[in-house]
């Protein structure tokens, strides 16, 4: 059984998480209704703290619903660019389940550290986690999951950005070609202090087995065109192939951060014939 531990109250100047971004409260809330179409969630941790204490600390509004496991109270919120859900089912033992979306440019340990820092608690409150703290994840009790496709929410997290960009790049890039897409992603990465592509170059070099001295866009081309970069000007088919595989590689990298071996092991399809 999880013994509940102390969580400090909100700081004196923290506004409710339901207010627009800009205040000192690090959390921003999205309602259960707004978040109904979020992509699937996966378990991040069980914290030995009370859900009401989490809500008081981050000044969240708890909402009540029902699923196949019974009545559930929950709060959906964005913290440091990551989507979180804190839940407790009626009939569960003490503790708060923390969920996050699959994929996105944030690894599980960093997500957990960000949440603990915002709650003002240490790792001693973690009963188990997906980043190696605590007990076997097979003992996770039944808990609420919600599936669907990405939905626009009041706060755009980095996970939101990637989900929107990967499915509709033309909304953000005037010409969807390799040069424009890599330039836009590099600029976005600078704007978020490296929190989108951090570690991607090293991951690509490890995948290739060489190239640690090259920029990430050059490594992409060596993976996408193993027989050599096409002569300029590229055909439309070659350019589209490079963009498609860039997005596929980023998806694979983000999935590797969450420890999803199925998604992380995909092979790149062969280059289309010209």
Protein backbone atom coordinates (compact mmCIF):
# COMPACT_ATOMS: atom_id res chain seq x y z
CA UNK A 1 0.00 0.00 0.00
CA UNK A 2 1.24 3.51 -0.84
CA UNK A 3 1.58 5.73 2.22
CA UNK A 4 0.75 9.31 1.32
CA UNK A 5 3.47 11.89 1.81
CA UNK A 6 3.43 15.66 2.28
CA UNK A 7 3.11 18.08 -0.63
CA UNK A 8 3.54 21.81 0.12
CA UNK A 9 0.72 24.18 -0.73
CA UNK A 10 0.94 26.53 -3.71
CA UNK A 11 3.33 29.46 -3.53
CA UNK A 12 1.63 32.67 -2.39
CA UNK A 13 1.78 34.35 -5.81
CA UNK A 14 0.67 31.35 -7.88
CA UNK A 15 -2.54 31.99 -9.79
CA UNK A 16 -5.04 29.19 -10.67
CA UNK A 17 -3.75 26.90 -13.43
CA UNK A 18 -6.95 27.59 -15.40
CA UNK A 19 -5.84 31.18 -16.08
CA UNK A 20 -4.05 32.13 -19.33
CA UNK A 21 -0.26 31.56 -19.51
CA UNK A 22 2.08 34.20 -18.17
CA UNK A 23 1.90 33.96 -14.38
CA UNK A 24 4.35 32.33 -11.96
CA UNK A 25 2.36 29.07 -11.61
CA UNK A 26 4.34 26.58 -13.78
CA UNK A 27 1.21 24.54 -14.66
CA UNK A 28 -1.53 25.41 -17.14
CA UNK A 29 -4.72 23.36 -17.14
CA UNK A 30 -6.72 21.90 -20.02
CA UNK A 31 -10.19 20.63 -19.21
CA UNK A 32 -11.26 17.01 -19.49
CA UNK A 33 -13.66 18.01 -22.26
CA UNK A 34 -10.96 19.83 -24.24
CA UNK A 35 -8.59 16.89 -23.83
CA UNK A 36 -11.04 14.15 -24.80
CA UNK A 37 -9.24 13.56 -28.12
CA UNK A 38 -5.68 13.44 -26.82
CA UNK A 39 -3.54 10.62 -28.25
CA UNK A 40 -3.15 7.57 -26.00
CA UNK A 41 -1.53 8.02 -22.60
CA UNK A 42 1.04 5.84 -20.89
CA UNK A 43 1.83 5.47 -17.23
CA UNK A 44 4.65 7.72 -16.04
CA UNK A 45 4.53 7.12 -12.28
CA UNK A 46 2.58 6.38 -9.14
CA UNK A 47 3.23 9.03 -6.52
CA UNK A 48 2.64 8.40 -2.84
CA UNK A 49 0.81 11.70 -2.50
CA UNK A 50 -2.86 12.59 -2.37
CA UNK A 51 -4.50 13.84 -5.58
CA UNK A 52 -6.10 16.72 -3.68
CA UNK A 53 -2.64 17.75 -2.47
CA UNK A 54 -1.38 17.80 -6.07
CA UNK A 55 -4.36 19.94 -7.07
CA UNK A 56 -3.78 22.36 -4.18
CA UNK A 57 -0.08 22.69 -4.98
CA UNK A 58 -0.53 23.43 -8.71
CA UNK A 59 -3.91 25.14 -8.17
CA UNK A 60 -5.64 22.68 -10.51
CA UNK A 61 -9.38 22.07 -10.76
CA UNK A 62 -10.19 18.38 -10.34
CA UNK A 63 -12.85 16.97 -12.66
CA UNK A 64 -14.90 13.81 -12.15
CA UNK A 65 -15.83 11.29 -14.82
CA UNK A 66 -16.34 7.55 -15.23
CA UNK A 67 -14.73 4.80 -17.31
CA UNK A 68 -14.64 1.03 -17.39
CA UNK A 69 -12.83 0.98 -14.04
CA UNK A 70 -15.40 3.16 -12.27
CA UNK A 71 -15.48 6.74 -11.05
CA UNK A 72 -12.28 8.73 -11.59
CA UNK A 73 -11.09 12.19 -10.61
CA UNK A 74 -8.52 13.79 -12.87
CA UNK A 75 -6.71 16.97 -13.88
CA UNK A 76 -5.18 17.51 -17.33
CA UNK A 77 -2.37 20.06 -17.45
CA UNK A 78 0.71 21.21 -19.35
CA UNK A 79 3.94 21.68 -17.40
CA UNK A 80 7.28 22.70 -18.91
CA UNK A 81 6.09 21.80 -22.42
CA UNK A 82 4.77 18.33 -21.51
CA UNK A 83 1.20 17.05 -21.21
CA UNK A 84 0.34 15.41 -17.89
CA UNK A 85 -2.75 13.81 -16.38
CA UNK A 86 -3.06 13.20 -12.62
CA UNK A 87 -5.75 10.66 -11.68
CA UNK A 88 -7.22 8.65 -8.84
CA UNK A 89 -9.89 5.99 -9.26
CA UNK A 90 -12.53 5.34 -6.64
CA UNK A 91 -11.52 2.11 -4.91
CA UNK A 92 -7.78 2.45 -5.70
CA UNK A 93 -5.32 2.50 -2.83
CA UNK A 94 -3.77 5.79 -1.72
CA UNK A 95 -1.67 7.63 -4.25
CA UNK A 96 -1.84 9.62 -7.48
CA UNK A 97 -1.30 8.11 -10.92
CA UNK A 98 0.59 10.32 -13.38
CA UNK A 99 0.14 9.80 -17.11
CA UNK A 100 1.68 11.48 -20.15
CA UNK A 101 1.33 11.26 -23.89
CA UNK A 102 3.45 8.85 -25.91
CA UNK A 103 6.17 10.32 -28.07
CA UNK A 104 7.35 13.91 -28.15
CA UNK A 105 10.75 15.46 -27.53
CA UNK A 106 10.98 14.78 -23.79
CA UNK A 107 12.31 11.62 -22.12
CA UNK A 108 10.50 10.01 -19.19
CA UNK A 109 13.11 10.92 -16.56
CA UNK A 110 13.06 14.60 -17.55
CA UNK A 111 9.25 14.63 -17.45
CA UNK A 112 9.30 13.11 -13.99
CA UNK A 113 11.94 15.51 -12.68
CA UNK A 114 9.99 18.49 -14.01
CA UNK A 115 6.82 17.35 -12.26
CA UNK A 116 8.53 16.64 -8.93
CA UNK A 117 10.20 20.06 -9.01
CA UNK A 118 6.88 21.79 -9.61
CA UNK A 119 5.29 19.83 -6.77
CA UNK A 120 8.13 20.80 -4.43
CA UNK A 121 8.85 17.16 -3.52
CA UNK A 122 11.75 14.75 -3.97
CA UNK A 123 12.09 11.27 -5.54
CA UNK A 124 11.06 9.69 -2.23
CA UNK A 125 7.41 10.22 -3.23
CA UNK A 126 7.80 7.97 -6.32
CA UNK A 127 6.36 4.52 -5.62
CA UNK A 128 7.22 3.34 -9.14
CA UNK A 129 7.99 4.98 -12.45
CA UNK A 130 8.75 4.34 -16.10
CA UNK A 131 12.25 5.80 -15.74
CA UNK A 132 13.54 3.18 -13.33
CA UNK A 133 12.47 4.39 -9.89
CA UNK A 134 10.36 2.06 -7.77
CA UNK A 135 8.79 -1.32 -8.38
CA UNK A 136 7.84 -3.47 -11.35
CA UNK A 137 5.44 -1.68 -13.70
CA UNK A 138 3.46 -4.92 -14.06
CA UNK A 139 1.81 -4.14 -10.71
CA UNK A 140 0.13 -0.97 -12.00
CA UNK A 141 -3.53 -1.18 -10.97
CA UNK A 142 -6.23 -0.65 -13.59
CA UNK A 143 -6.42 3.04 -14.48
CA UNK A 144 -8.07 5.37 -16.84
CA UNK A 145 -6.80 5.72 -20.41
CA UNK A 146 -8.21 7.91 -23.13
CA UNK A 147 -7.46 7.44 -26.81
CA UNK A 148 -7.98 9.46 -29.94
CA UNK A 149 -6.25 11.99 -32.15
CA UNK A 150 -4.50 15.20 -31.24
CA UNK A 151 -6.70 18.15 -30.30
CA UNK A 152 -5.89 21.83 -29.99
CA UNK A 153 -5.76 22.98 -26.38
CA UNK A 154 -5.39 26.42 -24.74
CA UNK A 155 -1.67 25.78 -24.11
CA UNK A 156 0.54 24.45 -26.93
CA UNK A 157 3.10 22.05 -25.48
CA UNK A 158 6.11 20.82 -27.42
CA UNK A 159 4.28 17.52 -27.80
CA UNK A 160 1.37 19.44 -29.34
CA UNK A 161 3.79 21.18 -31.70
CA UNK A 162 5.29 17.94 -32.96
CA UNK A 163 1.92 16.20 -33.36
CA UNK A 164 0.61 19.14 -35.41
CA UNK A 165 3.79 19.57 -37.43
CA UNK A 166 4.25 15.90 -38.32
CA UNK A 167 0.68 15.59 -39.63
CA UNK A 168 0.28 19.04 -41.24
CA UNK A 169 3.74 20.51 -42.01
CA UNK A 170 2.26 22.72 -44.72
CA UNK A 171 0.45 24.76 -42.07
CA UNK A 172 3.79 25.97 -40.65
CA UNK A 173 6.13 25.74 -43.65
CA UNK A 174 5.28 27.57 -46.89
CA UNK A 175 7.06 25.00 -49.08
CA UNK A 176 7.22 21.46 -47.73
CA UNK A 177 10.67 20.52 -49.02
CA UNK A 178 13.72 19.20 -47.20
CA UNK A 179 15.54 22.54 -47.03
CA UNK A 180 12.53 24.44 -45.66
CA UNK A 181 11.52 21.76 -43.16
CA UNK A 182 15.03 21.32 -41.73
CA UNK A 183 15.45 25.09 -41.52
CA UNK A 184 12.15 25.51 -39.70
CA UNK A 185 12.86 22.70 -37.22
CA UNK A 186 16.34 24.08 -36.50
CA UNK A 187 14.85 27.51 -35.84
CA UNK A 188 12.15 26.10 -33.58
CA UNK A 189 14.78 24.11 -31.68
CA UNK A 190 16.75 27.32 -31.04
CA UNK A 191 13.57 29.08 -29.89
CA UNK A 192 12.88 26.40 -27.26
CA UNK A 193 16.51 26.28 -26.09
CA UNK A 194 17.28 22.95 -27.72
CA UNK A 195 14.36 21.09 -26.14
CA UNK A 196 13.11 19.71 -29.47
CA UNK A 197 16.21 18.17 -31.05
CA UNK A 198 18.45 17.64 -28.02
CA UNK A 199 20.28 14.33 -28.53
CA UNK A 200 18.90 13.77 -32.05
CA UNK A 201 22.26 14.27 -33.82
CA UNK A 202 23.98 11.79 -31.50
CA UNK A 203 21.15 9.28 -32.00
CA UNK A 204 21.43 9.56 -35.78
CA UNK A 205 25.22 9.12 -35.66
CA UNK A 206 24.81 6.02 -33.50
CA UNK A 207 22.27 4.66 -35.98
CA UNK A 208 24.71 5.23 -38.85
CA UNK A 209 27.79 4.11 -36.94
CA UNK A 210 29.69 7.26 -37.93
CA UNK A 211 29.24 11.00 -38.49
CA UNK A 212 29.41 12.50 -35.00
CA UNK A 213 31.12 15.54 -36.55
CA UNK A 214 28.21 16.20 -38.94
CA UNK A 215 25.07 18.30 -38.43
CA UNK A 216 21.81 16.39 -37.99
CA UNK A 217 20.42 17.34 -41.41
CA UNK A 218 23.49 15.86 -43.14
CA UNK A 219 23.11 12.65 -41.13
CA UNK A 220 19.48 12.43 -42.22
CA UNK A 221 20.51 12.53 -45.86
CA UNK A 222 23.09 9.77 -45.36
CA UNK A 223 20.36 7.57 -43.87
CA UNK A 224 17.72 8.46 -46.45
CA UNK A 225 20.03 8.23 -49.48
CA UNK A 226 22.59 5.53 -48.57
CA UNK A 227 23.83 5.40 -52.18
CA UNK A 228 24.56 9.10 -52.24
CA UNK A 229 22.73 12.42 -52.24
CA UNK A 230 20.75 13.03 -55.47
CA UNK A 231 22.18 15.53 -57.94
CA UNK A 232 20.75 19.04 -57.85
CA UNK A 233 18.07 20.00 -58.57
CA UNK A 234 16.23 17.23 -56.75
CA UNK A 235 13.17 15.68 -58.26
CA UNK A 236 9.90 16.26 -56.43
CA UNK A 237 9.86 12.55 -55.55
CA UNK A 238 13.34 12.67 -53.96
CA UNK A 239 12.51 15.83 -52.00
CA UNK A 240 9.25 14.40 -50.69
CA UNK A 241 10.99 11.13 -49.79
CA UNK A 242 13.59 13.05 -47.76
CA UNK A 243 10.88 14.98 -45.87
CA UNK A 244 8.83 11.85 -45.19
CA UNK A 245 11.84 9.98 -43.81
CA UNK A 246 12.97 12.96 -41.73
CA UNK A 247 9.59 12.96 -39.99
CA UNK A 248 9.73 9.18 -39.65
CA UNK A 249 13.18 9.33 -38.06
CA UNK A 250 12.11 12.04 -35.62
CA UNK A 251 9.09 9.94 -34.67
CA UNK A 252 11.37 6.96 -34.09
CA UNK A 253 13.74 9.07 -31.97
CA UNK A 254 10.95 10.52 -29.81
CA UNK A 255 9.49 7.05 -29.30
CA UNK A 256 12.93 5.82 -28.20
CA UNK A 257 12.86 8.45 -25.43
CA UNK A 258 9.69 6.88 -24.02
CA UNK A 259 11.13 3.37 -24.19
CA UNK A 260 8.68 2.08 -26.84
CA UNK A 261 10.65 -0.75 -28.53
CA UNK A 262 8.01 -1.40 -31.20
CA UNK A 263 8.07 2.13 -32.60
CA UNK A 264 11.80 2.59 -32.06
CA UNK A 265 12.70 -0.43 -34.20
CA UNK A 266 11.01 0.50 -37.47
CA UNK A 267 13.09 0.24 -40.66
CA UNK A 268 13.08 3.05 -43.21
CA UNK A 269 11.29 2.18 -46.45
CA UNK A 270 13.44 2.09 -49.55
CA UNK A 271 13.94 5.15 -51.74
CA UNK A 272 11.22 5.49 -54.40
CA UNK A 273 12.23 5.00 -57.98
CA UNK A 274 12.53 8.21 -60.00
